[in-house]
């Protein structure tokens, strides 16, 4: 994909995340997507995302910066929501959480095949603990 296509592709991915459209998000993931220090596969990614939405039903991501190089994206996002459901074994606190997230994605044929980045779960947990 050309850099402008990658930017449009990521905008579509972010829109699916922010609509909480889990099946649409799955369409952006290779079935065996590798994630650094996390279980591999689209099912594991979707399970983690569904868990986030369970704890934070209003969670939204905002793109701060996006860099494209060949088949890779470097992304700085700001994520936030209110903790109104159980998350990471923590009962709802009604705390409003806002985190900075940094991620690197490798995209082939319109699918994320590799992902690595900051530990968002650790950041969120520390904000609600």
Protein backbone atom coordinates (compact mmCIF):
# COMPACT_ATOMS: atom_id res chain seq x y z
CA UNK A 1 0.00 0.00 0.00
CA UNK A 2 1.05 3.56 -0.63
CA UNK A 3 1.56 5.79 2.45
CA UNK A 4 -1.74 7.62 1.83
CA UNK A 5 -3.53 4.25 1.56
CA UNK A 6 -1.99 3.15 4.86
CA UNK A 7 -3.24 6.37 6.50
CA UNK A 8 -6.75 5.77 5.17
CA UNK A 9 -6.55 2.12 6.23
CA UNK A 10 -5.60 3.14 9.76
CA UNK A 11 -8.40 5.72 9.89
CA UNK A 12 -10.86 2.94 9.02
CA UNK A 13 -9.33 0.68 11.70
CA UNK A 14 -9.56 3.43 14.32
CA UNK A 15 -13.17 4.13 13.34
CA UNK A 16 -14.06 0.45 13.85
CA UNK A 17 -12.37 0.50 17.26
CA UNK A 18 -14.25 3.62 18.30
CA UNK A 19 -17.59 2.25 17.10
CA UNK A 20 -16.82 -0.86 19.19
CA UNK A 21 -17.52 -2.95 16.10
CA UNK A 22 -15.68 -6.10 17.14
CA UNK A 23 -16.40 -8.02 13.94
CA UNK A 24 -15.18 -5.11 11.81
CA UNK A 25 -12.01 -4.87 13.95
CA UNK A 26 -11.43 -8.58 13.32
CA UNK A 27 -11.40 -7.87 9.55
CA UNK A 28 -8.21 -5.82 10.04
CA UNK A 29 -6.36 -8.67 11.79
CA UNK A 30 -4.51 -11.60 10.29
CA UNK A 31 -5.88 -14.78 11.94
CA UNK A 32 -2.43 -15.53 13.41
CA UNK A 33 -1.39 -11.93 14.17
CA UNK A 34 1.66 -11.85 16.45
CA UNK A 35 1.66 -9.50 19.43
CA UNK A 36 4.74 -8.83 21.53
CA UNK A 37 4.42 -10.35 25.01
CA UNK A 38 0.74 -11.22 24.43
CA UNK A 39 -1.03 -14.31 23.11
CA UNK A 40 -1.01 -14.47 19.31
CA UNK A 41 -4.00 -14.64 17.04
CA UNK A 42 -7.01 -12.56 16.14
CA UNK A 43 -9.18 -14.36 18.71
CA UNK A 44 -6.82 -13.35 21.55
CA UNK A 45 -6.71 -9.74 20.28
CA UNK A 46 -10.52 -9.59 20.07
CA UNK A 47 -10.91 -11.13 23.54
CA UNK A 48 -8.59 -8.48 25.00
CA UNK A 49 -10.49 -5.71 23.21
CA UNK A 50 -13.86 -7.07 24.37
CA UNK A 51 -12.52 -7.14 27.93
CA UNK A 52 -11.50 -3.47 27.62
CA UNK A 53 -14.98 -2.57 26.37
CA UNK A 54 -16.58 -4.52 29.21
CA UNK A 55 -14.69 -2.44 31.77
CA UNK A 56 -14.92 0.82 29.81
CA UNK A 57 -18.05 0.80 27.61
CA UNK A 58 -17.39 4.38 26.47
CA UNK A 59 -13.71 3.83 25.56
CA UNK A 60 -12.46 5.94 22.65
CA UNK A 61 -9.12 6.26 20.89
CA UNK A 62 -7.78 9.52 19.44
CA UNK A 63 -4.93 9.54 16.96
CA UNK A 64 -2.14 11.90 17.99
CA UNK A 65 0.53 10.91 15.46
CA UNK A 66 0.85 8.38 12.66
CA UNK A 67 4.04 7.59 10.77
CA UNK A 68 4.17 5.28 7.77
CA UNK A 69 7.24 3.51 6.45
CA UNK A 70 6.87 0.72 3.90
CA UNK A 71 4.56 -1.90 5.49
CA UNK A 72 4.84 -0.44 9.01
CA UNK A 73 2.86 2.05 11.03
CA UNK A 74 4.06 3.85 14.14
CA UNK A 75 1.10 5.20 16.06
CA UNK A 76 0.71 7.46 19.08
CA UNK A 77 -2.83 7.31 20.45
CA UNK A 78 -4.67 8.73 23.43
CA UNK A 79 -7.29 6.38 24.88
CA UNK A 80 -9.86 6.97 27.55
CA UNK A 81 -13.11 5.98 29.14
CA UNK A 82 -14.96 5.58 32.43
CA UNK A 83 -14.42 2.42 34.47
CA UNK A 84 -18.02 1.24 34.88
CA UNK A 85 -17.50 -2.51 34.48
CA UNK A 86 -15.06 -5.04 35.89
CA UNK A 87 -11.65 -4.85 34.22
CA UNK A 88 -8.47 -6.83 34.93
CA UNK A 89 -10.03 -8.21 38.13
CA UNK A 90 -10.83 -4.70 39.40
CA UNK A 91 -14.46 -3.91 40.25
CA UNK A 92 -15.91 -0.72 38.71
CA UNK A 93 -14.53 2.46 40.27
CA UNK A 94 -16.25 5.00 38.00
CA UNK A 95 -12.78 6.52 37.51
CA UNK A 96 -12.20 8.35 34.24
CA UNK A 97 -9.00 6.96 32.71
CA UNK A 98 -6.82 8.54 30.03
CA UNK A 99 -3.66 6.85 28.73
CA UNK A 100 -1.01 7.43 26.11
CA UNK A 101 -0.44 4.45 23.85
CA UNK A 102 2.39 3.83 21.40
CA UNK A 103 2.19 0.99 18.91
CA UNK A 104 3.98 -0.39 15.89
CA UNK A 105 2.03 -2.40 13.34
CA UNK A 106 3.22 -4.38 10.33
CA UNK A 107 0.49 -4.61 7.70
CA UNK A 108 0.37 -7.05 4.78
CA UNK A 109 -2.50 -7.18 2.30
CA UNK A 110 -4.58 -4.93 4.54
CA UNK A 111 -4.16 -7.10 7.67
CA UNK A 112 -2.13 -6.51 10.81
CA UNK A 113 0.38 -9.36 10.97
CA UNK A 114 2.55 -8.05 13.82
CA UNK A 115 1.95 -5.59 16.65
CA UNK A 116 4.01 -4.30 19.52
CA UNK A 117 3.71 -1.35 21.84
CA UNK A 118 3.16 -0.03 25.30
CA UNK A 119 1.42 -2.13 27.93
CA UNK A 120 -1.97 -0.43 27.98
CA UNK A 121 -3.38 -2.91 30.52
CA UNK A 122 -0.68 -1.99 33.05
CA UNK A 123 -1.37 1.72 32.55
CA UNK A 124 -5.11 1.26 32.91
CA UNK A 125 -4.75 -0.97 35.98
CA UNK A 126 -2.54 1.57 37.73
CA UNK A 127 -5.13 4.27 37.03
CA UNK A 128 -8.00 2.29 38.60
CA UNK A 129 -6.16 0.49 41.42
